[in-house]
């Protein structure tokens, strides 16, 4: 019984964590959009996935500037990007990160390190 209990608790913790992450996204986006967490999950996450993740897969590091600019418009953080990937709606979302070239991931991460320095 303890093994099943451990699995159930671990699954609940994972889902609860996603709920908190989605709540954080909704709170940051509220200056630009209206909607509760359900509306953000159903209406905005699929579109954000198309505009924040797919360009990095298709265009590589050339898309990093546009992705970061779009994220900035909605007050989203790098952690929010990770959550959007995790909540993604693509049928092969599990390996979407594998399809983003390593150089693109590096460039994207470097932008997030440099960005706060540029704005201060």
PDB file of N, CA and C in Angstrom:
ATOM      1  N   UNK A   1       0.815  -1.200   0.000  1.00  0.00           N
ATOM      2  CA  UNK A   1       0.000   0.000   0.000  1.00  0.00           C
ATOM      3  C   UNK A   1       0.855   1.259   0.000  1.00  0.00           C
ATOM      4  N   UNK A   2       1.998   1.221   0.686  1.00  0.00           N
ATOM      5  CA  UNK A   2       2.815   2.429   0.762  1.00  0.00           C
ATOM      6  C   UNK A   2       3.352   2.841  -0.606  1.00  0.00           C
ATOM      7  N   UNK A   3       3.627   1.884  -1.496  1.00  0.00           N
ATOM      8  CA  UNK A   3       4.101   2.223  -2.830  1.00  0.00           C
ATOM      9  C   UNK A   3       3.059   2.968  -3.634  1.00  0.00           C
ATOM     10  N   UNK A   4       1.814   2.525  -3.571  1.00  0.00           N
ATOM     11  CA  UNK A   4       0.717   3.197  -4.269  1.00  0.00           C
ATOM     12  C   UNK A   4       0.492   4.586  -3.683  1.00  0.00           C
ATOM     13  N   UNK A   5       0.543   4.691  -2.376  1.00  0.00           N
ATOM     14  CA  UNK A   5       0.367   5.984  -1.702  1.00  0.00           C
ATOM     15  C   UNK A   5       1.445   6.971  -2.150  1.00  0.00           C
ATOM     16  N   UNK A   6       2.679   6.504  -2.257  1.00  0.00           N
ATOM     17  CA  UNK A   6       3.792   7.355  -2.689  1.00  0.00           C
ATOM     18  C   UNK A   6       3.556   7.881  -4.103  1.00  0.00           C
ATOM     19  N   UNK A   7       3.072   7.009  -4.981  1.00  0.00           N
ATOM     20  CA  UNK A   7       2.797   7.410  -6.362  1.00  0.00           C
ATOM     21  C   UNK A   7       1.683   8.450  -6.402  1.00  0.00           C
ATOM     22  N   UNK A   8       0.634   8.224  -5.638  1.00  0.00           N
ATOM     23  CA  UNK A   8      -0.497   9.161  -5.624  1.00  0.00           C
ATOM     24  C   UNK A   8      -0.064  10.514  -5.089  1.00  0.00           C
ATOM     25  N   UNK A   9       0.694  10.524  -4.005  1.00  0.00           N
ATOM     26  CA  UNK A   9       1.164  11.785  -3.423  1.00  0.00           C
ATOM     27  C   UNK A   9       2.093  12.501  -4.395  1.00  0.00           C
ATOM     28  N   UNK A  10       3.000  11.775  -5.024  1.00  0.00           N
ATOM     29  CA  UNK A  10       3.930  12.392  -5.982  1.00  0.00           C
ATOM     30  C   UNK A  10       3.166  12.995  -7.153  1.00  0.00           C
ATOM     31  N   UNK A  11       2.159  12.309  -7.661  1.00  0.00           N
ATOM     32  CA  UNK A  11       1.358  12.824  -8.765  1.00  0.00           C
ATOM     33  C   UNK A  11       0.608  14.087  -8.332  1.00  0.00           C
ATOM     34  N   UNK A  12       0.032  14.058  -7.128  1.00  0.00           N
ATOM     35  CA  UNK A  12      -0.695  15.226  -6.633  1.00  0.00           C
ATOM     36  C   UNK A  12       0.243  16.417  -6.472  1.00  0.00           C
ATOM     37  N   UNK A  13       1.427  16.181  -5.926  1.00  0.00           N
ATOM     38  CA  UNK A  13       2.386  17.274  -5.767  1.00  0.00           C
ATOM     39  C   UNK A  13       2.768  17.874  -7.112  1.00  0.00           C
ATOM     40  N   UNK A  14       2.971  17.040  -8.096  1.00  0.00           N
ATOM     41  CA  UNK A  14       3.311  17.531  -9.432  1.00  0.00           C
ATOM     42  C   UNK A  14       2.195  18.373 -10.022  1.00  0.00           C
ATOM     43  N   UNK A  15       0.964  17.903  -9.912  1.00  0.00           N
ATOM     44  CA  UNK A  15      -0.176  18.654 -10.435  1.00  0.00           C
ATOM     45  C   UNK A  15      -0.389  19.945  -9.649  1.00  0.00           C
ATOM     46  N   UNK A  16      -0.204  19.891  -8.332  1.00  0.00           N
ATOM     47  CA  UNK A  16      -0.365  21.079  -7.499  1.00  0.00           C
ATOM     48  C   UNK A  16       0.693  22.119  -7.844  1.00  0.00           C
ATOM     49  N   UNK A  17       1.900  21.670  -8.115  1.00  0.00           N
ATOM     50  CA  UNK A  17       2.975  22.577  -8.503  1.00  0.00           C
ATOM     51  C   UNK A  17       2.638  23.271  -9.817  1.00  0.00           C
ATOM     52  N   UNK A  18       2.101  22.524 -10.793  1.00  0.00           N
ATOM     53  CA  UNK A  18       1.698  23.124 -12.070  1.00  0.00           C
ATOM     54  C   UNK A  18       0.622  24.177 -11.854  1.00  0.00           C
ATOM     55  N   UNK A  19      -0.279  23.914 -10.911  1.00  0.00           N
ATOM     56  CA  UNK A  19      -1.332  24.880 -10.608  1.00  0.00           C
ATOM     57  C   UNK A  19      -0.760  26.175 -10.078  1.00  0.00           C
ATOM     58  N   UNK A  20       0.247  26.070  -9.221  1.00  0.00           N
ATOM     59  CA  UNK A  20       0.895  27.274  -8.692  1.00  0.00           C
ATOM     60  C   UNK A  20       1.645  28.013  -9.798  1.00  0.00           C
ATOM     61  N   UNK A  21       2.294  27.265 -10.675  1.00  0.00           N
ATOM     62  CA  UNK A  21       3.016  27.893 -11.777  1.00  0.00           C
ATOM     63  C   UNK A  21       2.054  28.612 -12.711  1.00  0.00           C
ATOM     64  N   UNK A  22       0.920  27.993 -12.979  1.00  0.00           N
ATOM     65  CA  UNK A  22      -0.083  28.623 -13.834  1.00  0.00           C
ATOM     66  C   UNK A  22      -0.646  29.862 -13.163  1.00  0.00           C
ATOM     67  N   UNK A  23      -0.806  29.807 -11.858  1.00  0.00           N
ATOM     68  CA  UNK A  23      -1.271  30.977 -11.096  1.00  0.00           C
ATOM     69  C   UNK A  23      -0.268  32.120 -11.212  1.00  0.00           C
ATOM     70  N   UNK A  24       1.012  31.792 -11.172  1.00  0.00           N
ATOM     71  CA  UNK A  24       2.060  32.814 -11.330  1.00  0.00           C
ATOM     72  C   UNK A  24       1.997  33.448 -12.718  1.00  0.00           C
ATOM     73  N   UNK A  25       1.805  32.627 -13.751  1.00  0.00           N
ATOM     74  CA  UNK A  25       1.698  33.144 -15.111  1.00  0.00           C
ATOM     75  C   UNK A  25       0.498  34.074 -15.222  1.00  0.00           C
ATOM     76  N   UNK A  26      -0.627  33.644 -14.682  1.00  0.00           N
ATOM     77  CA  UNK A  26      -1.845  34.458 -14.739  1.00  0.00           C
ATOM     78  C   UNK A  26      -1.634  35.786 -14.028  1.00  0.00           C
ATOM     79  N   UNK A  27      -0.957  35.766 -12.892  1.00  0.00           N
ATOM     80  CA  UNK A  27      -0.715  37.002 -12.139  1.00  0.00           C
ATOM     81  C   UNK A  27       0.167  37.971 -12.925  1.00  0.00           C
ATOM     82  N   UNK A  28       1.191  37.460 -13.582  1.00  0.00           N
ATOM     83  CA  UNK A  28       2.082  38.335 -14.351  1.00  0.00           C
ATOM     84  C   UNK A  28       1.414  38.867 -15.616  1.00  0.00           C
ATOM     85  N   UNK A  29       0.557  38.066 -16.223  1.00  0.00           N
ATOM     86  CA  UNK A  29      -0.073  38.459 -17.473  1.00  0.00           C
ATOM     87  C   UNK A  29      -1.268  39.382 -17.274  1.00  0.00           C
ATOM     88  N   UNK A  30      -1.730  39.538 -16.053  1.00  0.00           N
ATOM     89  CA  UNK A  30      -2.988  40.268 -15.819  1.00  0.00           C
ATOM     90  C   UNK A  30      -2.951  41.720 -16.272  1.00  0.00           C
ATOM     91  N   UNK A  31      -1.759  42.296 -16.454  1.00  0.00           N
ATOM     92  CA  UNK A  31      -1.683  43.657 -16.963  1.00  0.00           C
ATOM     93  C   UNK A  31      -2.042  43.736 -18.449  1.00  0.00           C
ATOM     94  N   UNK A  32      -1.924  42.621 -19.155  1.00  0.00           N
ATOM     95  CA  UNK A  32      -2.190  42.591 -20.593  1.00  0.00           C
ATOM     96  C   UNK A  32      -3.459  41.826 -20.972  1.00  0.00           C
ATOM     97  N   UNK A  33      -3.832  40.858 -20.163  1.00  0.00           N
ATOM     98  CA  UNK A  33      -4.969  40.003 -20.506  1.00  0.00           C
ATOM     99  C   UNK A  33      -5.902  39.883 -19.314  1.00  0.00           C
ATOM    100  N   UNK A  34      -7.129  39.520 -19.600  1.00  0.00           N
ATOM    101  CA  UNK A  34      -8.058  39.229 -18.519  1.00  0.00           C
ATOM    102  C   UNK A  34      -8.420  37.756 -18.609  1.00  0.00           C
ATOM    103  N   UNK A  35      -8.593  37.160 -17.496  1.00  0.00           N
ATOM    104  CA  UNK A  35      -8.956  35.750 -17.479  1.00  0.00           C
ATOM    105  C   UNK A  35      -8.444  35.085 -16.224  1.00  0.00           C
ATOM    106  N   UNK A  36      -9.177  34.078 -15.791  1.00  0.00           N
ATOM    107  CA  UNK A  36      -8.729  33.318 -14.635  1.00  0.00           C
ATOM    108  C   UNK A  36      -7.757  32.236 -15.098  1.00  0.00           C
ATOM    109  N   UNK A  37      -7.318  31.404 -14.172  1.00  0.00           N
ATOM    110  CA  UNK A  37      -6.326  30.380 -14.499  1.00  0.00           C
ATOM    111  C   UNK A  37      -6.839  29.412 -15.568  1.00  0.00           C
ATOM    112  N   UNK A  38      -8.106  29.058 -15.494  1.00  0.00           N
ATOM    113  CA  UNK A  38      -8.672  28.132 -16.481  1.00  0.00           C
ATOM    114  C   UNK A  38      -8.630  28.752 -17.874  1.00  0.00           C
ATOM    115  N   UNK A  39      -9.006  30.008 -17.975  1.00  0.00           N
ATOM    116  CA  UNK A  39      -8.981  30.684 -19.278  1.00  0.00           C
ATOM    117  C   UNK A  39      -7.550  30.839 -19.788  1.00  0.00           C
ATOM    118  N   UNK A  40      -6.618  31.128 -18.889  1.00  0.00           N
ATOM    119  CA  UNK A  40      -5.212  31.226 -19.289  1.00  0.00           C
ATOM    120  C   UNK A  40      -4.747  29.876 -19.829  1.00  0.00           C
ATOM    121  N   UNK A  41      -5.083  28.804 -19.115  1.00  0.00           N
ATOM    122  CA  UNK A  41      -4.655  27.460 -19.522  1.00  0.00           C
ATOM    123  C   UNK A  41      -5.280  27.063 -20.855  1.00  0.00           C
ATOM    124  N   UNK A  42      -6.572  27.334 -21.018  1.00  0.00           N
ATOM    125  CA  UNK A  42      -7.270  26.869 -22.212  1.00  0.00           C
ATOM    126  C   UNK A  42      -7.094  27.783 -23.418  1.00  0.00           C
ATOM    127  N   UNK A  43      -7.019  29.078 -23.194  1.00  0.00           N
ATOM    128  CA  UNK A  43      -7.000  30.009 -24.319  1.00  0.00           C
ATOM    129  C   UNK A  43      -5.626  30.581 -24.629  1.00  0.00           C
ATOM    130  N   UNK A  44      -4.845  30.862 -23.606  1.00  0.00           N
ATOM    131  CA  UNK A  44      -3.577  31.553 -23.834  1.00  0.00           C
ATOM    132  C   UNK A  44      -2.375  30.612 -23.949  1.00  0.00           C
ATOM    133  N   UNK A  45      -2.304  29.570 -23.130  1.00  0.00           N
ATOM    134  CA  UNK A  45      -1.140  28.678 -23.175  1.00  0.00           C
ATOM    135  C   UNK A  45      -0.953  28.057 -24.556  1.00  0.00           C
ATOM    136  N   UNK A  46      -2.008  27.573 -25.215  1.00  0.00           N
ATOM    137  CA  UNK A  46      -1.785  27.018 -26.565  1.00  0.00           C
ATOM    138  C   UNK A  46      -1.212  28.051 -27.551  1.00  0.00           C
ATOM    139  N   UNK A  47      -1.696  29.286 -27.484  1.00  0.00           N
ATOM    140  CA  UNK A  47      -1.198  30.333 -28.379  1.00  0.00           C
ATOM    141  C   UNK A  47       0.219  30.737 -27.989  1.00  0.00           C
ATOM    142  N   UNK A  48       0.464  30.848 -26.696  1.00  0.00           N
ATOM    143  CA  UNK A  48       1.821  31.179 -26.238  1.00  0.00           C
ATOM    144  C   UNK A  48       2.808  30.092 -26.658  1.00  0.00           C
ATOM    145  N   UNK A  49       2.381  28.842 -26.583  1.00  0.00           N
ATOM    146  CA  UNK A  49       3.233  27.731 -27.011  1.00  0.00           C
ATOM    147  C   UNK A  49       3.640  27.919 -28.474  1.00  0.00           C
ATOM    148  N   UNK A  50       2.679  28.304 -29.303  1.00  0.00           N
ATOM    149  CA  UNK A  50       2.967  28.521 -30.730  1.00  0.00           C
ATOM    150  C   UNK A  50       3.930  29.676 -30.962  1.00  0.00           C
ATOM    151  N   UNK A  51       3.856  30.709 -30.126  1.00  0.00           N
ATOM    152  CA  UNK A  51       4.672  31.907 -30.337  1.00  0.00           C
ATOM    153  C   UNK A  51       5.968  31.932 -29.526  1.00  0.00           C
ATOM    154  N   UNK A  52       6.058  31.120 -28.491  1.00  0.00           N
ATOM    155  CA  UNK A  52       7.245  31.153 -27.633  1.00  0.00           C
ATOM    156  C   UNK A  52       8.119  29.910 -27.744  1.00  0.00           C
ATOM    157  N   UNK A  53       7.551  28.819 -28.212  1.00  0.00           N
ATOM    158  CA  UNK A  53       8.310  27.567 -28.278  1.00  0.00           C
ATOM    159  C   UNK A  53       8.567  27.163 -29.726  1.00  0.00           C
ATOM    160  N   UNK A  54       7.527  27.119 -30.525  1.00  0.00           N
ATOM    161  CA  UNK A  54       7.659  26.675 -31.914  1.00  0.00           C
ATOM    162  C   UNK A  54       8.692  27.459 -32.717  1.00  0.00           C
ATOM    163  N   UNK A  55       8.784  28.804 -32.563  1.00  0.00           N
ATOM    164  CA  UNK A  55       9.805  29.528 -33.334  1.00  0.00           C
ATOM    165  C   UNK A  55      11.235  29.085 -33.000  1.00  0.00           C
ATOM    166  N   UNK A  56      11.475  28.713 -31.754  1.00  0.00           N
ATOM    167  CA  UNK A  56      12.818  28.254 -31.385  1.00  0.00           C
ATOM    168  C   UNK A  56      13.129  26.915 -32.042  1.00  0.00           C
ATOM    169  N   UNK A  57      12.099  26.088 -32.201  1.00  0.00           N
ATOM    170  CA  UNK A  57      12.279  24.806 -32.881  1.00  0.00           C
ATOM    171  C   UNK A  57      12.515  25.048 -34.374  1.00  0.00           C
ATOM    172  N   UNK A  58      11.702  25.906 -34.967  1.00  0.00           N
ATOM    173  CA  UNK A  58      11.745  26.112 -36.419  1.00  0.00           C
ATOM    174  C   UNK A  58      12.917  26.978 -36.872  1.00  0.00           C
ATOM    175  N   UNK A  59      13.192  28.071 -36.150  1.00  0.00           N
ATOM    176  CA  UNK A  59      14.170  29.054 -36.611  1.00  0.00           C
ATOM    177  C   UNK A  59      15.446  29.110 -35.782  1.00  0.00           C
ATOM    178  N   UNK A  60      15.508  28.341 -34.729  1.00  0.00           N
ATOM    179  CA  UNK A  60      16.707  28.311 -33.906  1.00  0.00           C
ATOM    180  C   UNK A  60      16.962  29.624 -33.190  1.00  0.00           C
ATOM    181  N   UNK A  61      18.225  29.960 -33.001  1.00  0.00           N
ATOM    182  CA  UNK A  61      18.590  31.142 -32.223  1.00  0.00           C
ATOM    183  C   UNK A  61      18.175  32.447 -32.906  1.00  0.00           C
ATOM    184  N   UNK A  62      17.873  32.393 -34.210  1.00  0.00           N
ATOM    185  CA  UNK A  62      17.377  33.595 -34.891  1.00  0.00           C
ATOM    186  C   UNK A  62      16.051  34.066 -34.304  1.00  0.00           C
ATOM    187  N   UNK A  63      15.303  33.145 -33.704  1.00  0.00           N
ATOM    188  CA  UNK A  63      13.994  33.488 -33.145  1.00  0.00           C
ATOM    189  C   UNK A  63      14.072  33.952 -31.691  1.00  0.00           C
ATOM    190  N   UNK A  64      15.222  33.817 -31.063  1.00  0.00           N
ATOM    191  CA  UNK A  64      15.333  34.122 -29.632  1.00  0.00           C
ATOM    192  C   UNK A  64      14.926  35.558 -29.305  1.00  0.00           C
ATOM    193  N   UNK A  65      15.364  36.510 -30.096  1.00  0.00           N
ATOM    194  CA  UNK A  65      15.020  37.918 -29.835  1.00  0.00           C
ATOM    195  C   UNK A  65      13.509  38.142 -29.865  1.00  0.00           C
ATOM    196  N   UNK A  66      12.854  37.590 -30.882  1.00  0.00           N
ATOM    197  CA  UNK A  66      11.405  37.762 -31.011  1.00  0.00           C
ATOM    198  C   UNK A  66      10.656  37.072 -29.869  1.00  0.00           C
ATOM    199  N   UNK A  67      11.117  35.904 -29.490  1.00  0.00           N
ATOM    200  CA  UNK A  67      10.479  35.173 -28.387  1.00  0.00           C
ATOM    201  C   UNK A  67      10.613  35.959 -27.092  1.00  0.00           C
ATOM    202  N   UNK A  68      11.795  36.459 -26.818  1.00  0.00           N
ATOM    203  CA  UNK A  68      12.016  37.227 -25.590  1.00  0.00           C
ATOM    204  C   UNK A  68      11.206  38.522 -25.605  1.00  0.00           C
ATOM    205  N   UNK A  69      11.125  39.168 -26.753  1.00  0.00           N
ATOM    206  CA  UNK A  69      10.320  40.389 -26.865  1.00  0.00           C
ATOM    207  C   UNK A  69       8.842  40.098 -26.576  1.00  0.00           C
ATOM    208  N   UNK A  70       8.338  39.005 -27.122  1.00  0.00           N
ATOM    209  CA  UNK A  70       6.936  38.629 -26.879  1.00  0.00           C
ATOM    210  C   UNK A  70       6.726  38.295 -25.407  1.00  0.00           C
ATOM    211  N   UNK A  71       7.675  37.596 -24.807  1.00  0.00           N
ATOM    212  CA  UNK A  71       7.561  37.273 -23.379  1.00  0.00           C
ATOM    213  C   UNK A  71       7.563  38.546 -22.542  1.00  0.00           C
ATOM    214  N   UNK A  72       8.383  39.496 -22.932  1.00  0.00           N
ATOM    215  CA  UNK A  72       8.454  40.772 -22.211  1.00  0.00           C
ATOM    216  C   UNK A  72       7.123  41.525 -22.312  1.00  0.00           C
ATOM    217  N   UNK A  73       6.468  41.444 -23.459  1.00  0.00           N
ATOM    218  CA  UNK A  73       5.161  42.093 -23.628  1.00  0.00           C
ATOM    219  C   UNK A  73       4.139  41.593 -22.615  1.00  0.00           C
ATOM    220  N   UNK A  74       4.238  40.315 -22.267  1.00  0.00           N
ATOM    221  CA  UNK A  74       3.286  39.699 -21.341  1.00  0.00           C
ATOM    222  C   UNK A  74       3.864  39.521 -19.935  1.00  0.00           C
ATOM    223  N   UNK A  75       5.021  40.111 -19.678  1.00  0.00           N
ATOM    224  CA  UNK A  75       5.663  40.054 -18.357  1.00  0.00           C
ATOM    225  C   UNK A  75       5.995  38.630 -17.918  1.00  0.00           C
ATOM    226  N   UNK A  76       6.365  37.792 -18.857  1.00  0.00           N
ATOM    227  CA  UNK A  76       6.673  36.403 -18.554  1.00  0.00           C
ATOM    228  C   UNK A  76       8.164  36.227 -18.286  1.00  0.00           C
ATOM    229  N   UNK A  77       8.483  35.281 -17.438  1.00  0.00           N
ATOM    230  CA  UNK A  77       9.865  34.995 -17.062  1.00  0.00           C
ATOM    231  C   UNK A  77      10.357  33.725 -17.758  1.00  0.00           C
ATOM    232  N   UNK A  78      11.616  33.438 -17.571  1.00  0.00           N
ATOM    233  CA  UNK A  78      12.191  32.197 -18.122  1.00  0.00           C
ATOM    234  C   UNK A  78      11.501  30.988 -17.501  1.00  0.00           C
ATOM    235  N   UNK A  79      11.179  31.068 -16.218  1.00  0.00           N
ATOM    236  CA  UNK A  79      10.483  29.974 -15.544  1.00  0.00           C
ATOM    237  C   UNK A  79       9.078  29.789 -16.129  1.00  0.00           C
ATOM    238  N   UNK A  80       8.447  30.893 -16.516  1.00  0.00           N
ATOM    239  CA  UNK A  80       7.138  30.805 -17.155  1.00  0.00           C
ATOM    240  C   UNK A  80       7.258  30.085 -18.494  1.00  0.00           C
ATOM    241  N   UNK A  81       8.331  30.346 -19.218  1.00  0.00           N
ATOM    242  CA  UNK A  81       8.567  29.662 -20.498  1.00  0.00           C
ATOM    243  C   UNK A  81       8.649  28.155 -20.259  1.00  0.00           C
ATOM    244  N   UNK A  82       9.378  27.757 -19.216  1.00  0.00           N
ATOM    245  CA  UNK A  82       9.479  26.332 -18.878  1.00  0.00           C
ATOM    246  C   UNK A  82       8.108  25.739 -18.587  1.00  0.00           C
ATOM    247  N   UNK A  83       7.287  26.493 -17.861  1.00  0.00           N
ATOM    248  CA  UNK A  83       5.934  26.024 -17.533  1.00  0.00           C
ATOM    249  C   UNK A  83       5.093  25.891 -18.793  1.00  0.00           C
ATOM    250  N   UNK A  84       5.208  26.845 -19.697  1.00  0.00           N
ATOM    251  CA  UNK A  84       4.444  26.789 -20.953  1.00  0.00           C
ATOM    252  C   UNK A  84       4.872  25.572 -21.772  1.00  0.00           C
ATOM    253  N   UNK A  85       6.157  25.259 -21.766  1.00  0.00           N
ATOM    254  CA  UNK A  85       6.631  24.054 -22.445  1.00  0.00           C
ATOM    255  C   UNK A  85       6.022  22.826 -21.778  1.00  0.00           C
ATOM    256  N   UNK A  86       6.054  22.804 -20.457  1.00  0.00           N
ATOM    257  CA  UNK A  86       5.535  21.662 -19.708  1.00  0.00           C
ATOM    258  C   UNK A  86       4.031  21.483 -19.921  1.00  0.00           C
ATOM    259  N   UNK A  87       3.300  22.582 -19.987  1.00  0.00           N
ATOM    260  CA  UNK A  87       1.851  22.522 -20.183  1.00  0.00           C
ATOM    261  C   UNK A  87       1.471  22.478 -21.652  1.00  0.00           C
ATOM    262  N   UNK A  88       2.469  22.478 -22.520  1.00  0.00           N
ATOM    263  CA  UNK A  88       2.246  22.581 -23.959  1.00  0.00           C
ATOM    264  C   UNK A  88       1.183  21.651 -24.488  1.00  0.00           C
ATOM    265  N   UNK A  89       0.636  22.019 -25.606  1.00  0.00           N
ATOM    266  CA  UNK A  89      -0.487  21.299 -26.189  1.00  0.00           C
ATOM    267  C   UNK A  89      -0.088  20.495 -27.421  1.00  0.00           C
ATOM    268  N   UNK A  90       1.141  20.579 -27.798  1.00  0.00           N
ATOM    269  CA  UNK A  90       1.624  19.866 -28.977  1.00  0.00           C
ATOM    270  C   UNK A  90       1.588  18.366 -28.704  1.00  0.00           C
ATOM    271  N   UNK A  91       1.249  17.598 -29.718  1.00  0.00           N
ATOM    272  CA  UNK A  91       1.155  16.147 -29.521  1.00  0.00           C
ATOM    273  C   UNK A  91       2.504  15.529 -29.151  1.00  0.00           C
ATOM    274  N   UNK A  92       3.594  16.164 -29.530  1.00  0.00           N
ATOM    275  CA  UNK A  92       4.913  15.641 -29.164  1.00  0.00           C
ATOM    276  C   UNK A  92       5.647  16.618 -28.250  1.00  0.00           C
ATOM    277  N   UNK A  93       4.898  17.193 -27.306  1.00  0.00           N
ATOM    278  CA  UNK A  93       5.479  18.188 -26.404  1.00  0.00           C
ATOM    279  C   UNK A  93       6.594  17.606 -25.544  1.00  0.00           C
ATOM    280  N   UNK A  94       6.535  16.291 -25.305  1.00  0.00           N
ATOM    281  CA  UNK A  94       7.531  15.688 -24.433  1.00  0.00           C
ATOM    282  C   UNK A  94       8.937  15.784 -24.997  1.00  0.00           C
ATOM    283  N   UNK A  95       9.063  15.801 -26.319  1.00  0.00           N
ATOM    284  CA  UNK A  95      10.417  15.909 -26.867  1.00  0.00           C
ATOM    285  C   UNK A  95      10.645  17.216 -27.612  1.00  0.00           C
ATOM    286  N   UNK A  96       9.804  18.220 -27.336  1.00  0.00           N
ATOM    287  CA  UNK A  96       9.990  19.508 -28.004  1.00  0.00           C
ATOM    288  C   UNK A  96      11.333  20.125 -27.614  1.00  0.00           C
ATOM    289  N   UNK A  97      11.746  19.939 -26.374  1.00  0.00           N
ATOM    290  CA  UNK A  97      13.040  20.483 -25.941  1.00  0.00           C
ATOM    291  C   UNK A  97      14.201  19.815 -26.671  1.00  0.00           C
ATOM    292  N   UNK A  98      14.026  18.547 -27.033  1.00  0.00           N
ATOM    293  CA  UNK A  98      15.074  17.847 -27.778  1.00  0.00           C
ATOM    294  C   UNK A  98      15.206  18.395 -29.193  1.00  0.00           C
ATOM    295  N   UNK A  99      14.130  18.983 -29.717  1.00  0.00           N
ATOM    296  CA  UNK A  99      14.148  19.507 -31.078  1.00  0.00           C
ATOM    297  C   UNK A  99      14.660  20.937 -31.155  1.00  0.00           C
ATOM    298  N   UNK A 100      14.869  21.571 -30.005  1.00  0.00           N
ATOM    299  CA  UNK A 100      15.473  22.905 -29.991  1.00  0.00           C
ATOM    300  C   UNK A 100      16.982  22.716 -29.951  1.00  0.00           C
ATOM    301  N   UNK A 101      17.708  23.227 -30.938  1.00  0.00           N
ATOM    302  CA  UNK A 101      19.162  23.031 -30.971  1.00  0.00           C
ATOM    303  C   UNK A 101      19.844  23.562 -29.701  1.00  0.00           C
ATOM    304  N   UNK A 102      20.915  22.897 -29.318  1.00  0.00           N
ATOM    305  CA  UNK A 102      21.650  23.281 -28.103  1.00  0.00           C
ATOM    306  C   UNK A 102      22.123  24.732 -28.178  1.00  0.00           C
ATOM    307  N   UNK A 103      22.570  25.163 -29.349  1.00  0.00           N
ATOM    308  CA  UNK A 103      23.031  26.547 -29.507  1.00  0.00           C
ATOM    309  C   UNK A 103      21.889  27.530 -29.258  1.00  0.00           C
ATOM    310  N   UNK A 104      20.688  27.155 -29.647  1.00  0.00           N
ATOM    311  CA  UNK A 104      19.523  28.015 -29.423  1.00  0.00           C
ATOM    312  C   UNK A 104      19.203  28.105 -27.941  1.00  0.00           C
ATOM    313  N   UNK A 105      19.217  26.963 -27.258  1.00  0.00           N
ATOM    314  CA  UNK A 105      18.966  26.966 -25.807  1.00  0.00           C
ATOM    315  C   UNK A 105      19.995  27.833 -25.097  1.00  0.00           C
ATOM    316  N   UNK A 106      21.242  27.743 -25.525  1.00  0.00           N
ATOM    317  CA  UNK A 106      22.313  28.540 -24.917  1.00  0.00           C
ATOM    318  C   UNK A 106      22.075  30.027 -25.147  1.00  0.00           C
ATOM    319  N   UNK A 107      21.760  30.395 -26.376  1.00  0.00           N
ATOM    320  CA  UNK A 107      21.514  31.811 -26.699  1.00  0.00           C
ATOM    321  C   UNK A 107      20.314  32.335 -25.915  1.00  0.00           C
ATOM    322  N   UNK A 108      19.269  31.542 -25.833  1.00  0.00           N
ATOM    323  CA  UNK A 108      18.058  31.928 -25.112  1.00  0.00           C
ATOM    324  C   UNK A 108      18.360  32.142 -23.625  1.00  0.00           C
ATOM    325  N   UNK A 109      19.106  31.230 -23.047  1.00  0.00           N
ATOM    326  CA  UNK A 109      19.460  31.344 -21.630  1.00  0.00           C
ATOM    327  C   UNK A 109      20.369  32.546 -21.386  1.00  0.00           C
ATOM    328  N   UNK A 110      21.326  32.781 -22.284  1.00  0.00           N
ATOM    329  CA  UNK A 110      22.217  33.937 -22.129  1.00  0.00           C
ATOM    330  C   UNK A 110      21.439  35.242 -22.161  1.00  0.00           C
ATOM    331  N   UNK A 111      20.421  35.315 -23.036  1.00  0.00           N
ATOM    332  CA  UNK A 111      19.595  36.523 -23.084  1.00  0.00           C
ATOM    333  C   UNK A 111      18.951  36.774 -21.733  1.00  0.00           C
ATOM    334  N   UNK A 112      18.493  35.728 -21.076  1.00  0.00           N
ATOM    335  CA  UNK A 112      17.827  35.895 -19.777  1.00  0.00           C
ATOM    336  C   UNK A 112      18.805  36.306 -18.690  1.00  0.00           C
ATOM    337  N   UNK A 113      20.066  35.982 -18.864  1.00  0.00           N
ATOM    338  CA  UNK A 113      21.095  36.414 -17.909  1.00  0.00           C
ATOM    339  C   UNK A 113      21.445  37.875 -18.160  1.00  0.00           C
ATOM    340  N   UNK A 114      21.557  38.267 -19.432  1.00  0.00           N
ATOM    341  CA  UNK A 114      21.977  39.610 -19.816  1.00  0.00           C
ATOM    342  C   UNK A 114      20.842  40.627 -19.679  1.00  0.00           C
ATOM    343  N   UNK A 115      19.616  40.214 -19.936  1.00  0.00           N
ATOM    344  CA  UNK A 115      18.478  41.122 -19.958  1.00  0.00           C
ATOM    345  C   UNK A 115      18.347  41.996 -18.698  1.00  0.00           C
ATOM    346  N   UNK A 116      18.421  41.440 -17.498  1.00  0.00           N
ATOM    347  CA  UNK A 116      18.318  42.306 -16.318  1.00  0.00           C
ATOM    348  C   UNK A 116      19.459  43.320 -16.214  1.00  0.00           C
ATOM    349  N   UNK A 117      20.631  42.950 -16.708  1.00  0.00           N
ATOM    350  CA  UNK A 117      21.768  43.852 -16.664  1.00  0.00           C
ATOM    351  C   UNK A 117      21.563  45.033 -17.611  1.00  0.00           C
ATOM    352  N   UNK A 118      20.923  44.788 -18.753  1.00  0.00           N
ATOM    353  CA  UNK A 118      20.673  45.847 -19.729  1.00  0.00           C
ATOM    354  C   UNK A 118      19.614  46.832 -19.247  1.00  0.00           C
ATOM    355  N   UNK A 119      18.659  46.340 -18.472  1.00  0.00           N
ATOM    356  CA  UNK A 119      17.580  47.218 -18.041  1.00  0.00           C
ATOM    357  C   UNK A 119      17.894  47.970 -16.751  1.00  0.00           C
ATOM    358  N   UNK A 120      19.033  47.696 -16.149  1.00  0.00           N
ATOM    359  CA  UNK A 120      19.372  48.430 -14.908  1.00  0.00           C
ATOM    360  C   UNK A 120      20.307  49.575 -15.161  1.00  0.00           C
TER     361      UNK A 120
END
